Amino acid sequence: QVQLVESGGGLVQAGGSLRLSCAAAGRTFRSYTMGWFRQAPGQEREFVAATSWSGVSTFYADSVKGRFTISSDNAENTVYLQMNSLKPEDTAVYYCGASPWGSERAQRDASRYGYWGQGTQVTVSS
């Protein structure tokens, strides 16, 4: 059974930090791209960051570049999203996904992800 489980969300003040985790289980995702997306109420799911398991290829949305860092731990089958300098507009449910597509364009497209976690809520207060 394929499973992605996110954790690490919570309530934080603006300027604070959180680290999200995504644990992958049930199959080998080594050939997959792992991505983080977020969805605020009434809005579409938005790309945040993506990485290969090797860490060689990483991509970020312009809105988070320089503040967020995506990384992977192969031994733990876990992908992380370190979020610093958080802003109220970062408030959303954050989802981890796995995609078999390798191009940057596909990695930024939620419809190209075949597996998703249940999401974790991040709330940034002003």
PDB file of N, CA and C in Angstrom:
ATOM      1  N   GLN A   1       0.850  -1.187   0.000  1.00  0.00           N
ATOM      2  CA  GLN A   1       0.000   0.000   0.000  1.00  0.00           C
ATOM      3  C   GLN A   1       0.888   1.240   0.000  1.00  0.00           C
ATOM      4  N   VAL A   2       0.630   2.125  -0.959  1.00  0.00           N
ATOM      5  CA  VAL A   2       1.408   3.349  -1.066  1.00  0.00           C
ATOM      6  C   VAL A   2       0.916   4.348  -0.042  1.00  0.00           C
ATOM      7  N   GLN A   3       1.855   4.992   0.622  1.00  0.00           N
ATOM      8  CA  GLN A   3       1.462   5.953   1.644  1.00  0.00           C
ATOM      9  C   GLN A   3       2.473   7.086   1.760  1.00  0.00           C
ATOM     10  N   LEU A   4       1.971   8.315   1.777  1.00  0.00           N
ATOM     11  CA  LEU A   4       2.766   9.493   2.072  1.00  0.00           C
ATOM     12  C   LEU A   4       2.133  10.147   3.284  1.00  0.00           C
ATOM     13  N   VAL A   5       2.939  10.398   4.300  1.00  0.00           N
ATOM     14  CA  VAL A   5       2.398  10.950   5.547  1.00  0.00           C
ATOM     15  C   VAL A   5       3.152  12.218   5.898  1.00  0.00           C
ATOM     16  N   GLU A   6       2.408  13.329   5.927  1.00  0.00           N
ATOM     17  CA  GLU A   6       3.014  14.607   6.279  1.00  0.00           C
ATOM     18  C   GLU A   6       2.880  14.862   7.773  1.00  0.00           C
ATOM     19  N   SER A   7       3.799  15.642   8.304  1.00  0.00           N
ATOM     20  CA  SER A   7       3.732  16.078   9.690  1.00  0.00           C
ATOM     21  C   SER A   7       4.524  17.373   9.830  1.00  0.00           C
ATOM     22  N   GLY A   8       4.356  18.035  10.970  1.00  0.00           N
ATOM     23  CA  GLY A   8       5.144  19.219  11.257  1.00  0.00           C
ATOM     24  C   GLY A   8       4.419  20.544  11.130  1.00  0.00           C
ATOM     25  N   GLY A   9       3.181  20.521  10.691  1.00  0.00           N
ATOM     26  CA  GLY A   9       2.436  21.769  10.580  1.00  0.00           C
ATOM     27  C   GLY A   9       2.079  22.333  11.950  1.00  0.00           C
ATOM     28  N   GLY A  10       1.542  23.540  11.948  1.00  0.00           N
ATOM     29  CA  GLY A  10       1.143  24.159  13.197  1.00  0.00           C
ATOM     30  C   GLY A  10       0.900  25.635  13.046  1.00  0.00           C
ATOM     31  N   LEU A  11       0.803  26.300  14.185  1.00  0.00           N
ATOM     32  CA  LEU A  11       0.567  27.740  14.238  1.00  0.00           C
ATOM     33  C   LEU A  11       1.867  28.436  14.622  1.00  0.00           C
ATOM     34  N   VAL A  12       2.235  29.455  13.856  1.00  0.00           N
ATOM     35  CA  VAL A  12       3.482  30.164  14.110  1.00  0.00           C
ATOM     36  C   VAL A  12       3.265  31.649  13.805  1.00  0.00           C
ATOM     37  N   GLN A  13       4.012  32.489  14.473  1.00  0.00           N
ATOM     38  CA  GLN A  13       3.917  33.914  14.196  1.00  0.00           C
ATOM     39  C   GLN A  13       4.716  34.268  12.954  1.00  0.00           C
ATOM     40  N   ALA A  14       4.339  35.347  12.326  1.00  0.00           N
ATOM     41  CA  ALA A  14       5.076  35.824  11.159  1.00  0.00           C
ATOM     42  C   ALA A  14       6.547  36.013  11.509  1.00  0.00           C
ATOM     43  N   GLY A  15       7.405  35.572  10.602  1.00  0.00           N
ATOM     44  CA  GLY A  15       8.837  35.615  10.828  1.00  0.00           C
ATOM     45  C   GLY A  15       9.401  34.348  11.423  1.00  0.00           C
ATOM     46  N   GLY A  16       8.523  33.461  11.864  1.00  0.00           N
ATOM     47  CA  GLY A  16       8.945  32.221  12.484  1.00  0.00           C
ATOM     48  C   GLY A  16       9.271  31.137  11.467  1.00  0.00           C
ATOM     49  N   SER A  17       9.554  29.936  11.988  1.00  0.00           N
ATOM     50  CA  SER A  17       9.966  28.806  11.145  1.00  0.00           C
ATOM     51  C   SER A  17       9.201  27.549  11.504  1.00  0.00           C
ATOM     52  N   LEU A  18       9.052  26.687  10.526  1.00  0.00           N
ATOM     53  CA  LEU A  18       8.505  25.348  10.714  1.00  0.00           C
ATOM     54  C   LEU A  18       9.238  24.412   9.773  1.00  0.00           C
ATOM     55  N   ARG A  19       9.297  23.136  10.157  1.00  0.00           N
ATOM     56  CA  ARG A  19       9.841  22.124   9.251  1.00  0.00           C
ATOM     57  C   ARG A  19       8.788  21.049   9.062  1.00  0.00           C
ATOM     58  N   LEU A  20       8.398  20.861   7.813  1.00  0.00           N
ATOM     59  CA  LEU A  20       7.450  19.814   7.460  1.00  0.00           C
ATOM     60  C   LEU A  20       8.204  18.559   7.040  1.00  0.00           C
ATOM     61  N   SER A  21       7.620  17.410   7.359  1.00  0.00           N
ATOM     62  CA  SER A  21       8.191  16.123   6.967  1.00  0.00           C
ATOM     63  C   SER A  21       7.176  15.342   6.144  1.00  0.00           C
ATOM     64  N   CYS A  22       7.677  14.562   5.212  1.00  0.00           N
ATOM     65  CA  CYS A  22       6.841  13.682   4.401  1.00  0.00           C
ATOM     66  C   CYS A  22       7.516  12.321   4.366  1.00  0.00           C
ATOM     67  N   ALA A  23       6.933  11.363   5.058  1.00  0.00           N
ATOM     68  CA  ALA A  23       7.471  10.013   5.103  1.00  0.00           C
ATOM     69  C   ALA A  23       6.803   9.164   4.031  1.00  0.00           C
ATOM     70  N   ALA A  24       7.627   8.527   3.206  1.00  0.00           N
ATOM     71  CA  ALA A  24       7.119   7.706   2.114  1.00  0.00           C
ATOM     72  C   ALA A  24       7.242   6.234   2.480  1.00  0.00           C
ATOM     73  N   ALA A  25       6.175   5.467   2.274  1.00  0.00           N
ATOM     74  CA  ALA A  25       6.191   4.044   2.613  1.00  0.00           C
ATOM     75  C   ALA A  25       5.370   3.257   1.598  1.00  0.00           C
ATOM     76  N   GLY A  26       5.688   1.990   1.482  1.00  0.00           N
ATOM     77  CA  GLY A  26       4.863   1.110   0.676  1.00  0.00           C
ATOM     78  C   GLY A  26       5.437   0.784  -0.685  1.00  0.00           C
ATOM     79  N   ARG A  27       6.338   1.602  -1.173  1.00  0.00           N
ATOM     80  CA  ARG A  27       6.982   1.298  -2.441  1.00  0.00           C
ATOM     81  C   ARG A  27       8.231   2.147  -2.540  1.00  0.00           C
ATOM     82  N   THR A  28       9.008   1.879  -3.536  1.00  0.00           N
ATOM     83  CA  THR A  28      10.231   2.636  -3.742  1.00  0.00           C
ATOM     84  C   THR A  28       9.949   3.841  -4.627  1.00  0.00           C
ATOM     85  N   PHE A  29      10.249   5.012  -4.107  1.00  0.00           N
ATOM     86  CA  PHE A  29       9.996   6.242  -4.844  1.00  0.00           C
ATOM     87  C   PHE A  29      11.270   6.838  -5.436  1.00  0.00           C
ATOM     88  N   ARG A  30      12.329   6.066  -5.503  1.00  0.00           N
ATOM     89  CA  ARG A  30      13.622   6.642  -5.888  1.00  0.00           C
ATOM     90  C   ARG A  30      13.579   7.282  -7.263  1.00  0.00           C
ATOM     91  N   SER A  31      12.774   6.752  -8.172  1.00  0.00           N
ATOM     92  CA  SER A  31      12.721   7.319  -9.514  1.00  0.00           C
ATOM     93  C   SER A  31      11.694   8.443  -9.620  1.00  0.00           C
ATOM     94  N   TYR A  32      11.040   8.747  -8.524  1.00  0.00           N
ATOM     95  CA  TYR A  32      10.002   9.765  -8.528  1.00  0.00           C
ATOM     96  C   TYR A  32      10.540  11.112  -8.077  1.00  0.00           C
ATOM     97  N   THR A  33       9.890  12.164  -8.537  1.00  0.00           N
ATOM     98  CA  THR A  33      10.088  13.485  -7.990  1.00  0.00           C
ATOM     99  C   THR A  33       9.167  13.648  -6.794  1.00  0.00           C
ATOM    100  N   MET A  34       9.677  14.269  -5.745  1.00  0.00           N
ATOM    101  CA  MET A  34       8.872  14.550  -4.566  1.00  0.00           C
ATOM    102  C   MET A  34       8.610  16.049  -4.504  1.00  0.00           C
ATOM    103  N   GLY A  35       7.366  16.399  -4.339  1.00  0.00           N
ATOM    104  CA  GLY A  35       7.023  17.815  -4.338  1.00  0.00           C
ATOM    105  C   GLY A  35       6.171  18.216  -3.150  1.00  0.00           C
ATOM    106  N   TRP A  36       6.241  19.492  -2.848  1.00  0.00           N
ATOM    107  CA  TRP A  36       5.362  20.100  -1.853  1.00  0.00           C
ATOM    108  C   TRP A  36       4.462  21.114  -2.561  1.00  0.00           C
ATOM    109  N   PHE A  37       3.192  21.019  -2.259  1.00  0.00           N
ATOM    110  CA  PHE A  37       2.198  21.958  -2.757  1.00  0.00           C
ATOM    111  C   PHE A  37       1.430  22.496  -1.562  1.00  0.00           C
ATOM    112  N   ARG A  38       0.692  23.566  -1.776  1.00  0.00           N
ATOM    113  CA  ARG A  38      -0.149  24.096  -0.711  1.00  0.00           C
ATOM    114  C   ARG A  38      -1.473  24.573  -1.297  1.00  0.00           C
ATOM    115  N   GLN A  39      -2.474  24.559  -0.450  1.00  0.00           N
ATOM    116  CA  GLN A  39      -3.808  24.956  -0.899  1.00  0.00           C
ATOM    117  C   GLN A  39      -4.488  25.757   0.207  1.00  0.00           C
ATOM    118  N   ALA A  40      -4.783  27.007  -0.101  1.00  0.00           N
ATOM    119  CA  ALA A  40      -5.527  27.862   0.814  1.00  0.00           C
ATOM    120  C   ALA A  40      -7.018  27.738   0.492  1.00  0.00           C
ATOM    121  N   PRO A  41      -7.879  28.062   1.436  1.00  0.00           N
ATOM    122  CA  PRO A  41      -9.325  27.937   1.203  1.00  0.00           C
ATOM    123  C   PRO A  41      -9.773  28.711  -0.032  1.00  0.00           C
ATOM    124  N   GLY A  42     -10.518  28.030  -0.891  1.00  0.00           N
ATOM    125  CA  GLY A  42     -11.052  28.675  -2.085  1.00  0.00           C
ATOM    126  C   GLY A  42     -10.064  28.846  -3.213  1.00  0.00           C
ATOM    127  N   GLN A  43      -8.851  28.307  -3.036  1.00  0.00           N
ATOM    128  CA  GLN A  43      -7.830  28.457  -4.068  1.00  0.00           C
ATOM    129  C   GLN A  43      -7.380  27.104  -4.582  1.00  0.00           C
ATOM    130  N   GLU A  44      -6.738  27.121  -5.745  1.00  0.00           N
ATOM    131  CA  GLU A  44      -6.217  25.887  -6.322  1.00  0.00           C
ATOM    132  C   GLU A  44      -4.933  25.471  -5.602  1.00  0.00           C
ATOM    133  N   ARG A  45      -4.613  24.200  -5.751  1.00  0.00           N
ATOM    134  CA  ARG A  45      -3.370  23.699  -5.181  1.00  0.00           C
ATOM    135  C   ARG A  45      -2.199  24.348  -5.908  1.00  0.00           C
ATOM    136  N   GLU A  46      -1.266  24.869  -5.132  1.00  0.00           N
ATOM    137  CA  GLU A  46      -0.184  25.692  -5.665  1.00  0.00           C
ATOM    138  C   GLU A  46       1.163  25.022  -5.424  1.00  0.00           C
ATOM    139  N   PHE A  47       2.005  25.013  -6.436  1.00  0.00           N
ATOM    140  CA  PHE A  47       3.351  24.445  -6.322  1.00  0.00           C
ATOM    141  C   PHE A  47       4.193  25.255  -5.341  1.00  0.00           C
ATOM    142  N   VAL A  48       4.964  24.552  -4.514  1.00  0.00           N
ATOM    143  CA  VAL A  48       5.863  25.205  -3.571  1.00  0.00           C
ATOM    144  C   VAL A  48       7.311  24.840  -3.899  1.00  0.00           C
ATOM    145  N   ALA A  49       7.611  23.540  -3.932  1.00  0.00           N
ATOM    146  CA  ALA A  49       8.990  23.103  -4.172  1.00  0.00           C
ATOM    147  C   ALA A  49       8.984  21.644  -4.588  1.00  0.00           C
ATOM    148  N   ALA A  50      10.040  21.223  -5.282  1.00  0.00           N
ATOM    149  CA  ALA A  50      10.169  19.832  -5.697  1.00  0.00           C
ATOM    150  C   ALA A  50      11.634  19.445  -5.694  1.00  0.00           C
ATOM    151  N   THR A  51      11.872  18.152  -5.528  1.00  0.00           N
ATOM    152  CA  THR A  51      13.240  17.663  -5.522  1.00  0.00           C
ATOM    153  C   THR A  51      13.292  16.221  -6.001  1.00  0.00           C
ATOM    154  N   SER A  52      14.431  15.844  -6.560  1.00  0.00           N
ATOM    155  CA  SER A  52      14.710  14.443  -6.786  1.00  0.00           C
ATOM    156  C   SER A  52      15.288  13.884  -5.489  1.00  0.00           C
ATOM    157  N   TRP A  53      15.274  12.546  -5.368  1.00  0.00           N
ATOM    158  CA  TRP A  53      15.801  11.954  -4.136  1.00  0.00           C
ATOM    159  C   TRP A  53      17.303  12.195  -3.999  1.00  0.00           C
ATOM    160  N   SER A  54      17.971  12.381  -5.110  1.00  0.00           N
ATOM    161  CA  SER A  54      19.410  12.652  -5.051  1.00  0.00           C
ATOM    162  C   SER A  54      19.700  14.075  -4.598  1.00  0.00           C
ATOM    163  N   GLY A  55      18.678  14.940  -4.711  1.00  0.00           N
ATOM    164  CA  GLY A  55      18.874  16.342  -4.350  1.00  0.00           C
ATOM    165  C   GLY A  55      19.548  17.164  -5.425  1.00  0.00           C
ATOM    166  N   VAL A  56      19.858  16.537  -6.548  1.00  0.00           N
ATOM    167  CA  VAL A  56      20.553  17.249  -7.629  1.00  0.00           C
ATOM    168  C   VAL A  56      19.629  18.292  -8.256  1.00  0.00           C
ATOM    169  N   SER A  57      18.375  17.912  -8.426  1.00  0.00           N
ATOM    170  CA  SER A  57      17.409  18.824  -9.051  1.00  0.00           C
ATOM    171  C   SER A  57      16.409  19.298  -8.014  1.00  0.00           C
ATOM    172  N   THR A  58      16.383  20.585  -7.786  1.00  0.00           N
ATOM    173  CA  THR A  58      15.395  21.177  -6.889  1.00  0.00           C
ATOM    174  C   THR A  58      14.808  22.413  -7.563  1.00  0.00           C
ATOM    175  N   PHE A  59      13.530  22.637  -7.338  1.00  0.00           N
ATOM    176  CA  PHE A  59      12.844  23.791  -7.915  1.00  0.00           C
ATOM    177  C   PHE A  59      11.963  24.419  -6.848  1.00  0.00           C
ATOM    178  N   TYR A  60      11.794  25.716  -6.955  1.00  0.00           N
ATOM    179  CA  TYR A  60      10.990  26.457  -5.989  1.00  0.00           C
ATOM    180  C   TYR A  60      10.061  27.427  -6.699  1.00  0.00           C
ATOM    181  N   ALA A  61       8.928  27.669  -6.078  1.00  0.00           N
ATOM    182  CA  ALA A  61       8.076  28.760  -6.527  1.00  0.00           C
ATOM    183  C   ALA A  61       8.758  30.077  -6.183  1.00  0.00           C
ATOM    184  N   ASP A  62       8.560  31.069  -6.990  1.00  0.00           N
ATOM    185  CA  ASP A  62       9.193  32.369  -6.743  1.00  0.00           C
ATOM    186  C   ASP A  62       8.798  32.933  -5.384  1.00  0.00           C
ATOM    187  N   SER A  63       7.588  32.640  -4.952  1.00  0.00           N
ATOM    188  CA  SER A  63       7.071  33.208  -3.706  1.00  0.00           C
ATOM    189  C   SER A  63       7.778  32.672  -2.461  1.00  0.00           C
ATOM    190  N   VAL A  64       8.479  31.540  -2.600  1.00  0.00           N
ATOM    191  CA  VAL A  64       9.138  30.951  -1.429  1.00  0.00           C
ATOM    192  C   VAL A  64      10.654  30.876  -1.586  1.00  0.00           C
ATOM    193  N   LYS A  65      11.150  31.210  -2.753  1.00  0.00           N
ATOM    194  CA  LYS A  65      12.583  31.107  -3.017  1.00  0.00           C
ATOM    195  C   LYS A  65      13.358  31.967  -2.031  1.00  0.00           C
ATOM    196  N   GLY A  66      14.393  31.380  -1.436  1.00  0.00           N
ATOM    197  CA  GLY A  66      15.197  32.100  -0.448  1.00  0.00           C
ATOM    198  C   GLY A  66      14.692  31.967   0.969  1.00  0.00           C
ATOM    199  N   ARG A  67      13.457  31.474   1.127  1.00  0.00           N
ATOM    200  CA  ARG A  67      12.890  31.302   2.476  1.00  0.00           C
ATOM    201  C   ARG A  67      12.667  29.826   2.801  1.00  0.00           C
ATOM    202  N   PHE A  68      12.309  29.037   1.803  1.00  0.00           N
ATOM    203  CA  PHE A  68      12.025  27.612   2.004  1.00  0.00           C
ATOM    204  C   PHE A  68      13.148  26.773   1.397  1.00  0.00           C
ATOM    205  N   THR A  69      13.402  25.612   2.024  1.00  0.00           N
ATOM    206  CA  THR A  69      14.392  24.686   1.505  1.00  0.00           C
ATOM    207  C   THR A  69      13.816  23.277   1.530  1.00  0.00           C
ATOM    208  N   ILE A  70      13.855  22.606   0.377  1.00  0.00           N
ATOM    209  CA  ILE A  70      13.409  21.220   0.291  1.00  0.00           C
ATOM    210  C   ILE A  70      14.633  20.314   0.328  1.00  0.00           C
ATOM    211  N   SER A  71      14.509  19.199   1.038  1.00  0.00           N
ATOM    212  CA  SER A  71      15.621  18.256   1.131  1.00  0.00           C
ATOM    213  C   SER A  71      15.064  16.853   1.305  1.00  0.00           C
ATOM    214  N   SER A  72      15.939  15.868   1.128  1.00  0.00           N
ATOM    215  CA  SER A  72      15.502  14.479   1.250  1.00  0.00           C
ATOM    216  C   SER A  72      16.503  13.680   2.058  1.00  0.00           C
ATOM    217  N   ASP A  73      16.015  12.693   2.766  1.00  0.00           N
ATOM    218  CA  ASP A  73      16.838  11.756   3.526  1.00  0.00           C
ATOM    219  C   ASP A  73      16.531  10.368   2.996  1.00  0.00           C
ATOM    220  N   ASN A  74      17.414   9.859   2.160  1.00  0.00           N
ATOM    221  CA  ASN A  74      17.157   8.568   1.521  1.00  0.00           C
ATOM    222  C   ASN A  74      17.042   7.434   2.533  1.00  0.00           C
ATOM    223  N   ALA A  75      17.859   7.477   3.564  1.00  0.00           N
ATOM    224  CA  ALA A  75      17.845   6.399   4.554  1.00  0.00           C
ATOM    225  C   ALA A  75      16.511   6.344   5.306  1.00  0.00           C
ATOM    226  N   GLU A  76      15.910   7.510   5.501  1.00  0.00           N
ATOM    227  CA  GLU A  76      14.650   7.581   6.221  1.00  0.00           C
ATOM    228  C   GLU A  76      13.442   7.623   5.297  1.00  0.00           C
ATOM    229  N   ASN A  77      13.671   7.629   3.970  1.00  0.00           N
ATOM    230  CA  ASN A  77      12.562   7.747   3.007  1.00  0.00           C
ATOM    231  C   ASN A  77      11.678   8.945   3.335  1.00  0.00           C
ATOM    232  N   THR A  78      12.313  10.038   3.665  1.00  0.00           N
ATOM    233  CA  THR A  78      11.586  11.220   4.116  1.00  0.00           C
ATOM    234  C   THR A  78      12.058  12.463   3.356  1.00  0.00           C
ATOM    235  N   VAL A  79      11.104  13.290   2.995  1.00  0.00           N
ATOM    236  CA  VAL A  79      11.382  14.571   2.357  1.00  0.00           C
ATOM    237  C   VAL A  79      10.957  15.666   3.322  1.00  0.00           C
ATOM    238  N   TYR A  80      11.775  16.714   3.391  1.00  0.00           N
ATOM    239  CA  TYR A  80      11.516  17.797   4.330  1.00  0.00           C
ATOM    240  C   TYR A  80      11.283  19.111   3.591  1.00  0.00           C
ATOM    241  N   LEU A  81      10.564  19.991   4.246  1.00  0.00           N
ATOM    242  CA  LEU A  81      10.419  21.361   3.763  1.00  0.00           C
ATOM    243  C   LEU A  81      10.684  22.281   4.954  1.00  0.00           C
ATOM    244  N   GLN A  82      11.856  22.891   4.952  1.00  0.00           N
ATOM    245  CA  GLN A  82      12.201  23.853   5.981  1.00  0.00           C
ATOM    246  C   GLN A  82      11.668  25.217   5.555  1.00  0.00           C
ATOM    247  N   MET A  83      10.840  25.806   6.390  1.00  0.00           N
ATOM    248  CA  MET A  83      10.195  27.072   6.048  1.00  0.00           C
ATOM    249  C   MET A  83      10.629  28.136   7.056  1.00  0.00           C
ATOM    250  N   ASN A  84      11.327  29.130   6.562  1.00  0.00           N
ATOM    251  CA  ASN A  84      11.799  30.235   7.397  1.00  0.00           C
ATOM    252  C   ASN A  84      11.135  31.534   6.964  1.00  0.00           C
ATOM    253  N   SER A  85      11.229  32.538   7.823  1.00  0.00           N
ATOM    254  CA  SER A  85      10.659  33.865   7.515  1.00  0.00           C
ATOM    255  C   SER A  85       9.226  33.752   7.027  1.00  0.00           C
ATOM    256  N   LEU A  86       8.440  32.988   7.745  1.00  0.00           N
ATOM    257  CA  LEU A  86       7.065  32.726   7.321  1.00  0.00           C
ATOM    258  C   LEU A  86       6.226  33.994   7.329  1.00  0.00           C
ATOM    259  N   LYS A  87       5.299  34.055   6.383  1.00  0.00           N
ATOM    260  CA  LYS A  87       4.405  35.197   6.221  1.00  0.00           C
ATOM    261  C   LYS A  87       2.957  34.731   6.341  1.00  0.00           C
ATOM    262  N   PRO A  88       2.051  35.607   6.695  1.00  0.00           N
ATOM    263  CA  PRO A  88       0.633  35.202   6.765  1.00  0.00           C
ATOM    264  C   PRO A  88       0.126  34.594   5.464  1.00  0.00           C
ATOM    265  N   GLU A  89       0.637  35.053   4.336  1.00  0.00           N
ATOM    266  CA  GLU A  89       0.186  34.506   3.053  1.00  0.00           C
ATOM    267  C   GLU A  89       0.694  33.090   2.799  1.00  0.00           C
ATOM    268  N   ASP A  90       1.556  32.574   3.669  1.00  0.00           N
ATOM    269  CA  ASP A  90       1.985  31.169   3.563  1.00  0.00           C
ATOM    270  C   ASP A  90       0.967  30.231   4.212  1.00  0.00           C
ATOM    271  N   THR A  91      -0.046  30.786   4.860  1.00  0.00           N
ATOM    272  CA  THR A  91      -1.065  29.966   5.511  1.00  0.00           C
ATOM    273  C   THR A  91      -1.812  29.117   4.491  1.00  0.00           C
ATOM    274  N   ALA A  92      -1.845  27.808   4.728  1.00  0.00           N
ATOM    275  CA  ALA A  92      -2.480  26.872   3.801  1.00  0.00           C
ATOM    276  C   ALA A  92      -2.346  25.461   4.364  1.00  0.00           C
ATOM    277  N   VAL A  93      -3.023  24.523   3.728  1.00  0.00           N
ATOM    278  CA  VAL A  93      -2.751  23.110   3.958  1.00  0.00           C
ATOM    279  C   VAL A  93      -1.630  22.716   3.000  1.00  0.00           C
ATOM    280  N   TYR A  94      -0.597  22.125   3.526  1.00  0.00           N
ATOM    281  CA  TYR A  94       0.562  21.718   2.729  1.00  0.00           C
ATOM    282  C   TYR A  94       0.490  20.220   2.459  1.00  0.00           C
ATOM    283  N   TYR A  95       0.671  19.873   1.175  1.00  0.00           N
ATOM    284  CA  TYR A  95       0.592  18.493   0.734  1.00  0.00           C
ATOM    285  C   TYR A  95       1.920  18.038   0.139  1.00  0.00           C
ATOM    286  N   CYS A  96       2.260  16.812   0.435  1.00  0.00           N
ATOM    287  CA  CYS A  96       3.409  16.158  -0.178  1.00  0.00           C
ATOM    288  C   CYS A  96       2.900  15.256  -1.289  1.00  0.00           C
ATOM    289  N   GLY A  97       3.607  15.241  -2.424  1.00  0.00           N
ATOM    290  CA  GLY A  97       3.200  14.404  -3.539  1.00  0.00           C
ATOM    291  C   GLY A  97       4.394  13.740  -4.195  1.00  0.00           C
ATOM    292  N   ALA A  98       4.118  12.680  -4.947  1.00  0.00           N
ATOM    293  CA  ALA A  98       5.145  11.958  -5.697  1.00  0.00           C
ATOM    294  C   ALA A  98       4.733  11.895  -7.158  1.00  0.00           C
ATOM    295  N   SER A  99       5.676  12.237  -8.037  1.00  0.00           N
ATOM    296  CA  SER A  99       5.395  12.278  -9.470  1.00  0.00           C
ATOM    297  C   SER A  99       6.441  11.481 -10.244  1.00  0.00           C
ATOM    298  N   PRO A 100       5.998  10.722 -11.257  1.00  0.00           N
ATOM    299  CA  PRO A 100       6.964   9.986 -12.075  1.00  0.00           C
ATOM    300  C   PRO A 100       7.600  10.838 -13.174  1.00  0.00           C
ATOM    301  N   TRP A 101       7.150  12.082 -13.314  1.00  0.00           N
ATOM    302  CA  TRP A 101       7.627  12.950 -14.376  1.00  0.00           C
ATOM    303  C   TRP A 101       8.882  13.704 -13.958  1.00  0.00           C
ATOM    304  N   GLY A 102       9.809  13.839 -14.915  1.00  0.00           N
ATOM    305  CA  GLY A 102      11.104  14.421 -14.592  1.00  0.00           C
ATOM    306  C   GLY A 102      11.317  15.852 -14.993  1.00  0.00           C
ATOM    307  N   SER A 103      10.509  16.369 -15.915  1.00  0.00           N
ATOM    308  CA  SER A 103      10.748  17.730 -16.376  1.00  0.00           C
ATOM    309  C   SER A 103      10.333  18.736 -15.319  1.00  0.00           C
ATOM    310  N   GLU A 104      10.966  19.890 -15.316  1.00  0.00           N
ATOM    311  CA  GLU A 104      10.625  20.926 -14.348  1.00  0.00           C
ATOM    312  C   GLU A 104       9.177  21.368 -14.524  1.00  0.00           C
ATOM    313  N   ARG A 105       8.758  21.477 -15.754  1.00  0.00           N
ATOM    314  CA  ARG A 105       7.379  21.910 -16.005  1.00  0.00           C
ATOM    315  C   ARG A 105       6.379  20.937 -15.381  1.00  0.00           C
ATOM    316  N   ALA A 106       6.650  19.637 -15.548  1.00  0.00           N
ATOM    317  CA  ALA A 106       5.744  18.635 -14.969  1.00  0.00           C
ATOM    318  C   ALA A 106       5.804  18.651 -13.448  1.00  0.00           C
ATOM    319  N   GLN A 107       6.965  18.874 -12.910  1.00  0.00           N
ATOM    320  CA  GLN A 107       7.114  18.862 -11.456  1.00  0.00           C
ATOM    321  C   GLN A 107       6.363  20.013 -10.801  1.00  0.00           C
ATOM    322  N   ARG A 108       6.103  21.058 -11.541  1.00  0.00           N
ATOM    323  CA  ARG A 108       5.366  22.199 -11.012  1.00  0.00           C
ATOM    324  C   ARG A 108       3.850  22.054 -11.194  1.00  0.00           C
ATOM    325  N   ASP A 109       3.426  20.946 -11.794  1.00  0.00           N
ATOM    326  CA  ASP A 109       2.027  20.737 -12.157  1.00  0.00           C
ATOM    327  C   ASP A 109       1.412  19.677 -11.253  1.00  0.00           C
ATOM    328  N   ALA A 110       0.441  20.079 -10.430  1.00  0.00           N
ATOM    329  CA  ALA A 110      -0.164  19.141  -9.479  1.00  0.00           C
ATOM    330  C   ALA A 110      -0.825  17.963 -10.181  1.00  0.00           C
ATOM    331  N   SER A 111      -1.310  18.157 -11.403  1.00  0.00           N
ATOM    332  CA  SER A 111      -2.000  17.071 -12.111  1.00  0.00           C
ATOM    333  C   SER A 111      -1.039  15.956 -12.520  1.00  0.00           C
ATOM    334  N   ARG A 112       0.255  16.202 -12.447  1.00  0.00           N
ATOM    335  CA  ARG A 112       1.259  15.199 -12.803  1.00  0.00           C
ATOM    336  C   ARG A 112       1.674  14.349 -11.606  1.00  0.00           C
ATOM    337  N   TYR A 113       1.085  14.577 -10.467  1.00  0.00           N
ATOM    338  CA  TYR A 113       1.436  13.818  -9.266  1.00  0.00           C
ATOM    339  C   TYR A 113       0.395  12.722  -9.039  1.00  0.00           C
ATOM    340  N   GLY A 114       0.867  11.488  -8.893  1.00  0.00           N
ATOM    341  CA  GLY A 114      -0.044  10.365  -8.746  1.00  0.00           C
ATOM    342  C   GLY A 114      -0.319   9.967  -7.312  1.00  0.00           C
ATOM    343  N   TYR A 115       0.507  10.427  -6.403  1.00  0.00           N
ATOM    344  CA  TYR A 115       0.353  10.063  -4.997  1.00  0.00           C
ATOM    345  C   TYR A 115       0.397  11.335  -4.150  1.00  0.00           C
ATOM    346  N   TRP A 116      -0.487  11.388  -3.153  1.00  0.00           N
ATOM    347  CA  TRP A 116      -0.569  12.536  -2.254  1.00  0.00           C
ATOM    348  C   TRP A 116      -0.710  12.076  -0.814  1.00  0.00           C
ATOM    349  N   GLY A 117      -0.188  12.899   0.083  1.00  0.00           N
ATOM    350  CA  GLY A 117      -0.444  12.691   1.495  1.00  0.00           C
ATOM    351  C   GLY A 117      -1.753  13.343   1.900  1.00  0.00           C
ATOM    352  N   GLN A 118      -2.058  13.281   3.171  1.00  0.00           N
ATOM    353  CA  GLN A 118      -3.330  13.793   3.674  1.00  0.00           C
ATOM    354  C   GLN A 118      -3.286  15.295   3.940  1.00  0.00           C
ATOM    355  N   GLY A 119      -2.106  15.873   3.963  1.00  0.00           N
ATOM    356  CA  GLY A 119      -1.966  17.302   4.180  1.00  0.00           C
ATOM    357  C   GLY A 119      -1.726  17.652   5.637  1.00  0.00           C
ATOM    358  N   THR A 120      -1.051  18.776   5.846  1.00  0.00           N
ATOM    359  CA  THR A 120      -0.815  19.282   7.192  1.00  0.00           C
ATOM    360  C   THR A 120      -1.040  20.801   7.179  1.00  0.00           C
ATOM    361  N   GLN A 121      -1.751  21.285   8.173  1.00  0.00           N
ATOM    362  CA  GLN A 121      -2.138  22.694   8.208  1.00  0.00           C
ATOM    363  C   GLN A 121      -0.988  23.557   8.737  1.00  0.00           C
ATOM    364  N   VAL A 122      -0.711  24.623   8.009  1.00  0.00           N
ATOM    365  CA  VAL A 122       0.252  25.641   8.451  1.00  0.00           C
ATOM    366  C   VAL A 122      -0.502  26.960   8.558  1.00  0.00           C
ATOM    367  N   THR A 123      -0.457  27.569   9.731  1.00  0.00           N
ATOM    368  CA  THR A 123      -1.122  28.848   9.952  1.00  0.00           C
ATOM    369  C   THR A 123      -0.098  29.849  10.481  1.00  0.00           C
ATOM    370  N   VAL A 124       0.021  30.968   9.771  1.00  0.00           N
ATOM    371  CA  VAL A 124       0.969  32.011  10.158  1.00  0.00           C
ATOM    372  C   VAL A 124       0.178  33.239  10.582  1.00  0.00           C
ATOM    373  N   SER A 125       0.344  33.634  11.821  1.00  0.00           N
ATOM    374  CA  SER A 125      -0.386  34.789  12.336  1.00  0.00           C
ATOM    375  C   SER A 125       0.444  36.059  12.167  1.00  0.00           C
ATOM    376  N   SER A 126      -0.250  37.161  11.964  1.00  0.00           N
ATOM    377  CA  SER A 126       0.449  38.438  11.766  1.00  0.00           C
ATOM    378  C   SER A 126       0.695  39.146  13.083  1.00  0.00           C
TER     379      SER A 126
END
